[in-house]
N, C-alpha and C. Protein backbone atom coordinates (compact mmCIF):
# COMPACT_ATOMS: atom_id res chain seq x y z
N MET A 1 98.16 110.27 -115.32
CA MET A 1 98.15 109.42 -114.06
C MET A 1 97.17 108.45 -115.54
N GLU A 2 98.17 107.30 -115.62
CA GLU A 2 97.10 105.89 -115.78
C GLU A 2 96.12 106.74 -116.00
N ARG A 3 95.56 106.12 -116.45
CA ARG A 3 93.89 105.36 -116.22
C ARG A 3 94.15 103.88 -116.99
N VAL A 4 93.05 102.53 -116.41
CA VAL A 4 93.59 101.29 -116.97
C VAL A 4 91.72 100.14 -116.21
N PHE A 5 91.25 99.92 -117.48
CA PHE A 5 90.09 99.61 -116.89
C PHE A 5 90.43 98.35 -117.33
N VAL A 6 89.31 97.54 -116.04
CA VAL A 6 90.23 96.46 -115.25
C VAL A 6 89.25 95.13 -115.69
N ASP A 7 88.71 94.19 -116.33
CA ASP A 7 88.00 93.17 -116.60
C ASP A 7 87.74 91.79 -116.08
N THR A 8 87.00 91.50 -115.42
CA THR A 8 86.18 90.50 -113.95
C THR A 8 87.29 89.84 -113.95
N ASN A 9 88.04 89.02 -115.17
CA ASN A 9 89.09 87.66 -114.63
C ASN A 9 89.71 88.58 -113.98
N ILE A 10 90.61 90.16 -113.53
CA ILE A 10 91.30 90.38 -112.52
C ILE A 10 90.54 90.12 -112.11
N VAL A 11 89.89 91.26 -112.03
CA VAL A 11 88.83 91.47 -110.12
C VAL A 11 89.18 89.43 -109.72
N LEU A 12 88.35 89.12 -110.73
CA LEU A 12 88.36 87.14 -109.73
C LEU A 12 89.72 87.04 -109.46
N ASP A 13 90.98 87.31 -110.22
CA ASP A 13 91.80 87.33 -109.37
C ASP A 13 92.25 87.52 -108.36
N LEU A 14 92.28 89.13 -108.49
CA LEU A 14 92.19 89.49 -106.87
C LEU A 14 92.00 88.67 -105.52
N LEU A 15 90.45 88.59 -105.70
CA LEU A 15 89.33 88.44 -105.60
C LEU A 15 89.16 86.45 -104.97
N GLU A 16 89.24 85.86 -105.63
CA GLU A 16 89.13 84.23 -105.41
C GLU A 16 90.94 84.44 -104.37
N LYS A 17 91.60 85.14 -104.82
CA LYS A 17 93.14 85.08 -104.58
C LYS A 17 93.82 83.94 -105.74
N ARG A 18 93.49 83.67 -107.20
CA ARG A 18 94.33 82.41 -108.15
C ARG A 18 94.96 82.65 -108.49
N GLU A 19 95.81 81.35 -108.26
CA GLU A 19 97.47 81.26 -108.17
C GLU A 19 97.33 81.59 -108.51
N GLU A 20 97.18 81.86 -110.16
CA GLU A 20 99.08 82.11 -111.14
C GLU A 20 98.39 83.15 -111.18
N PHE A 21 97.29 84.38 -111.07
CA PHE A 21 97.73 85.64 -111.45
C PHE A 21 97.49 86.78 -110.22
N TYR A 22 97.78 85.81 -109.20
CA TYR A 22 97.08 86.87 -107.66
C TYR A 22 98.20 88.01 -107.44
N ARG A 23 99.91 87.66 -107.82
CA ARG A 23 100.28 88.73 -107.55
C ARG A 23 100.55 89.91 -108.38
N GLU A 24 99.64 90.10 -109.92
CA GLU A 24 99.64 91.07 -110.86
C GLU A 24 98.91 91.27 -111.06
N ALA A 25 97.62 90.89 -109.84
CA ALA A 25 96.48 92.04 -109.69
C ALA A 25 96.40 92.34 -108.28
N GLN A 26 97.37 92.13 -107.63
CA GLN A 26 96.97 92.77 -106.62
C GLN A 26 98.28 93.89 -106.72
N GLU A 27 99.22 93.26 -107.84
CA GLU A 27 99.84 94.83 -107.76
C GLU A 27 99.13 95.67 -108.91
N LEU A 28 98.79 95.07 -109.63
CA LEU A 28 97.23 97.41 -109.95
C LEU A 28 96.74 97.01 -108.99
N PHE A 29 96.03 96.73 -108.00
CA PHE A 29 95.01 97.28 -107.56
C PHE A 29 95.38 97.61 -106.43
N THR A 30 97.07 97.17 -106.15
CA THR A 30 97.79 98.85 -104.87
C THR A 30 98.01 100.07 -105.80
N LEU A 31 98.72 99.70 -107.25
CA LEU A 31 98.31 100.61 -107.52
C LEU A 31 97.75 101.68 -107.35
N GLY A 32 95.50 101.61 -107.61
CA GLY A 32 95.54 101.97 -108.07
C GLY A 32 94.54 102.82 -105.99
N ASP A 33 95.00 101.56 -104.98
CA ASP A 33 95.11 102.57 -104.38
C ASP A 33 96.20 103.50 -103.00
N GLN A 34 96.38 103.37 -103.73
CA GLN A 34 98.04 104.43 -103.09
C GLN A 34 97.66 104.99 -104.87
N SER A 35 96.43 105.38 -105.15
CA SER A 35 96.61 107.03 -106.29
C SER A 35 97.32 106.41 -107.66
N LYS A 36 98.55 106.23 -108.61
CA LYS A 36 99.67 106.00 -108.95
C LYS A 36 98.30 105.15 -110.04
N THR A 37 97.12 105.07 -110.36
CA THR A 37 96.65 104.83 -111.83
C THR A 37 94.90 104.97 -110.63
N LYS A 38 95.16 105.60 -112.47
CA LYS A 38 92.54 105.06 -111.27
C LYS A 38 92.12 103.58 -112.54
N LEU A 39 91.07 102.82 -111.98
CA LEU A 39 90.99 102.20 -111.84
C LEU A 39 89.58 102.24 -112.62
N PHE A 40 89.22 101.48 -113.64
CA PHE A 40 88.00 101.47 -113.64
C PHE A 40 87.64 100.62 -113.99
N VAL A 41 86.55 100.00 -114.23
CA VAL A 41 84.77 98.49 -113.84
C VAL A 41 83.94 98.82 -114.83
N SER A 42 83.32 97.74 -114.75
CA SER A 42 81.75 97.86 -115.28
C SER A 42 81.48 98.36 -114.82
N ALA A 43 79.74 98.30 -114.85
CA ALA A 43 78.48 98.42 -113.30
C ALA A 43 78.04 96.63 -113.76
N LEU A 44 78.58 95.92 -114.90
CA LEU A 44 78.59 94.31 -115.38
C LEU A 44 79.85 93.43 -114.35
N THR A 45 80.68 93.47 -114.50
CA THR A 45 80.79 93.03 -113.09
C THR A 45 80.97 93.05 -111.76
N LEU A 46 80.58 93.90 -110.74
CA LEU A 46 80.37 93.81 -110.43
C LEU A 46 78.54 92.42 -109.79
N ALA A 47 78.04 92.72 -110.56
CA ALA A 47 76.89 91.81 -110.64
C ALA A 47 77.51 90.22 -111.18
N ASN A 48 78.81 90.12 -111.81
CA ASN A 48 78.92 89.07 -112.15
C ASN A 48 80.05 88.11 -111.50
N ILE A 49 80.68 89.82 -110.61
CA ILE A 49 81.63 88.83 -109.47
C ILE A 49 80.76 88.50 -108.36
N HIS A 50 79.46 88.98 -108.15
CA HIS A 50 78.35 88.55 -107.05
C HIS A 50 78.22 86.87 -107.00
N TYR A 51 77.30 87.11 -108.03
CA TYR A 51 77.59 86.25 -108.36
C TYR A 51 78.75 84.37 -108.81
N LEU A 52 79.47 85.23 -109.34
CA LEU A 52 80.12 83.90 -108.69
C LEU A 52 80.82 83.82 -107.93
N LEU A 53 80.72 84.54 -106.85
CA LEU A 53 81.78 84.42 -105.13
C LEU A 53 80.57 83.77 -105.12
N PHE A 54 79.24 84.13 -104.29
CA PHE A 54 78.04 84.04 -103.98
C PHE A 54 78.00 82.72 -104.12
N LYS A 55 77.67 82.56 -105.79
CA LYS A 55 77.25 80.71 -105.85
C LYS A 55 78.56 79.69 -106.03
N HIS A 56 78.91 80.03 -106.03
CA HIS A 56 79.94 78.89 -106.62
C HIS A 56 81.49 79.40 -105.52
N LEU A 57 80.95 80.17 -105.02
CA LEU A 57 82.04 79.52 -103.55
C LEU A 57 81.60 79.93 -101.98
N LYS A 58 80.01 79.92 -102.63
CA LYS A 58 80.30 80.17 -101.18
C LYS A 58 79.99 81.49 -99.80
N MET A 59 81.45 82.52 -100.83
CA MET A 59 81.59 83.26 -100.00
C MET A 59 80.65 84.83 -100.11
N ASN A 60 80.92 85.35 -99.07
CA ASN A 60 80.28 86.83 -98.79
C ASN A 60 80.84 87.85 -99.32
N ALA A 61 80.27 88.05 -100.53
CA ALA A 61 79.91 88.52 -101.94
C ALA A 61 79.38 90.22 -102.13
N ARG A 62 78.24 90.21 -101.39
CA ARG A 62 78.36 92.15 -100.37
C ARG A 62 79.82 92.81 -99.94
N ASN A 63 80.08 91.99 -99.15
CA ASN A 63 80.99 92.29 -98.05
C ASN A 63 82.19 92.61 -98.61
N ALA A 64 82.30 91.46 -100.52
CA ALA A 64 83.82 90.74 -101.04
C ALA A 64 83.64 92.73 -101.73
N ILE A 65 82.08 92.09 -102.78
CA ILE A 65 82.48 94.03 -103.67
C ILE A 65 82.56 94.81 -102.65
N SER A 66 81.38 95.24 -100.98
CA SER A 66 81.76 96.63 -100.36
C SER A 66 83.00 97.35 -100.54
N LYS A 67 84.35 96.27 -100.30
CA LYS A 67 84.90 96.17 -99.57
C LYS A 67 86.35 96.83 -101.38
N PHE A 68 85.71 95.49 -101.86
CA PHE A 68 87.16 96.12 -103.61
C PHE A 68 86.36 97.24 -104.34
N LYS A 69 85.08 97.62 -103.99
CA LYS A 69 84.77 98.89 -104.13
C LYS A 69 85.99 99.97 -104.56
N VAL A 70 86.15 100.57 -103.56
CA VAL A 70 86.08 102.31 -102.87
C VAL A 70 88.66 101.92 -104.13
N LEU A 71 87.80 100.70 -105.07
CA LEU A 71 89.82 101.24 -104.95
C LEU A 71 89.17 101.13 -106.80
N VAL A 72 88.01 101.25 -106.94
CA VAL A 72 88.10 101.48 -108.65
C VAL A 72 86.92 102.89 -108.38
N GLU A 73 86.51 102.81 -109.34
CA GLU A 73 85.22 103.69 -110.69
C GLU A 73 84.80 102.84 -110.94
N VAL A 74 83.07 102.87 -111.01
CA VAL A 74 82.09 102.16 -111.33
C VAL A 74 82.03 102.75 -112.97
N LEU A 75 81.75 102.29 -113.97
CA LEU A 75 81.73 102.54 -115.33
C LEU A 75 79.77 103.00 -115.75
N PRO A 76 78.89 103.34 -115.37
CA PRO A 76 77.27 102.74 -115.34
C PRO A 76 77.87 101.78 -117.29
N LEU A 77 75.90 101.37 -116.76
CA LEU A 77 75.79 100.89 -117.52
C LEU A 77 74.72 101.21 -117.58
N ASP A 78 74.25 101.50 -119.22
CA ASP A 78 72.98 101.86 -120.11
C ASP A 78 72.54 101.70 -121.19
N ASP A 79 71.82 102.43 -121.46
CA ASP A 79 70.79 102.17 -122.50
C ASP A 79 72.24 102.18 -124.54
N LYS A 80 72.88 103.22 -123.96
CA LYS A 80 73.79 102.96 -124.68
C LYS A 80 74.71 102.41 -125.11
N ILE A 81 75.10 102.00 -124.38
CA ILE A 81 76.13 101.04 -124.09
C ILE A 81 75.27 99.62 -124.64
N LEU A 82 74.35 99.30 -124.55
CA LEU A 82 74.11 97.55 -124.05
C LEU A 82 73.73 98.14 -125.53
N GLU A 83 73.30 99.44 -127.07
CA GLU A 83 72.64 99.27 -128.19
C GLU A 83 74.14 99.53 -129.02
N LEU A 84 75.50 99.85 -128.31
CA LEU A 84 77.13 99.96 -128.92
C LEU A 84 77.84 98.01 -129.38
N SER A 85 77.43 97.51 -127.96
CA SER A 85 77.79 96.04 -127.65
C SER A 85 76.24 95.26 -129.13
N LEU A 86 75.15 94.92 -128.50
CA LEU A 86 74.73 94.45 -129.24
C LEU A 86 75.01 95.03 -130.93
N ALA A 87 75.43 96.19 -131.53
CA ALA A 87 76.14 96.28 -132.70
C ALA A 87 77.86 95.79 -133.26
N SER A 88 77.17 96.02 -131.64
CA SER A 88 79.89 95.46 -132.14
C SER A 88 79.96 94.37 -132.88
N ASP A 89 81.37 93.97 -133.56
CA ASP A 89 81.93 92.76 -133.91
C ASP A 89 82.49 91.70 -132.81
N PHE A 90 82.12 92.12 -131.76
CA PHE A 90 82.56 91.13 -130.28
C PHE A 90 81.02 89.51 -130.66
N THR A 91 82.06 88.95 -130.69
CA THR A 91 80.77 87.61 -130.06
C THR A 91 80.79 87.18 -129.11
N ASP A 92 81.41 87.62 -127.99
CA ASP A 92 80.78 87.99 -126.41
C ASP A 92 80.39 88.69 -125.94
N PHE A 93 79.34 88.89 -126.13
CA PHE A 93 77.86 90.62 -125.85
C PHE A 93 79.18 90.81 -124.59
N GLU A 94 78.72 89.81 -123.78
CA GLU A 94 80.01 90.13 -122.41
C GLU A 94 80.82 90.85 -122.70
N VAL A 95 82.06 91.35 -123.03
CA VAL A 95 82.57 91.62 -123.43
C VAL A 95 82.89 92.85 -123.99
N ALA A 96 81.15 92.73 -124.68
CA ALA A 96 80.98 93.77 -125.77
C ALA A 96 80.43 94.89 -124.98
N VAL A 97 79.71 94.85 -123.89
CA VAL A 97 79.19 95.00 -123.05
C VAL A 97 80.25 95.87 -121.99
N GLN A 98 81.20 94.79 -121.45
CA GLN A 98 82.67 95.90 -121.00
C GLN A 98 83.06 97.48 -121.76
């Protein structure tokens, strides 16, 4: 089974139904729902998604995340991940954490 790490933006494409990329995001998450692909997200992604959905779109973010979470496995965010991110060559810290 293919294993795919899903970036925050792809999750937003799905949950916000962003026109330009919604179809592709929907296809990816359908594969996950059908157990054809194993999908992973960072714990940081869920925090970021909650903030963006609630603050900017006034959505019921907790409800959206609860429904979404059944499609993915959430990867832990711990001290080791943060240390590796701080030591990485990534200029975008959020991307490094993911």
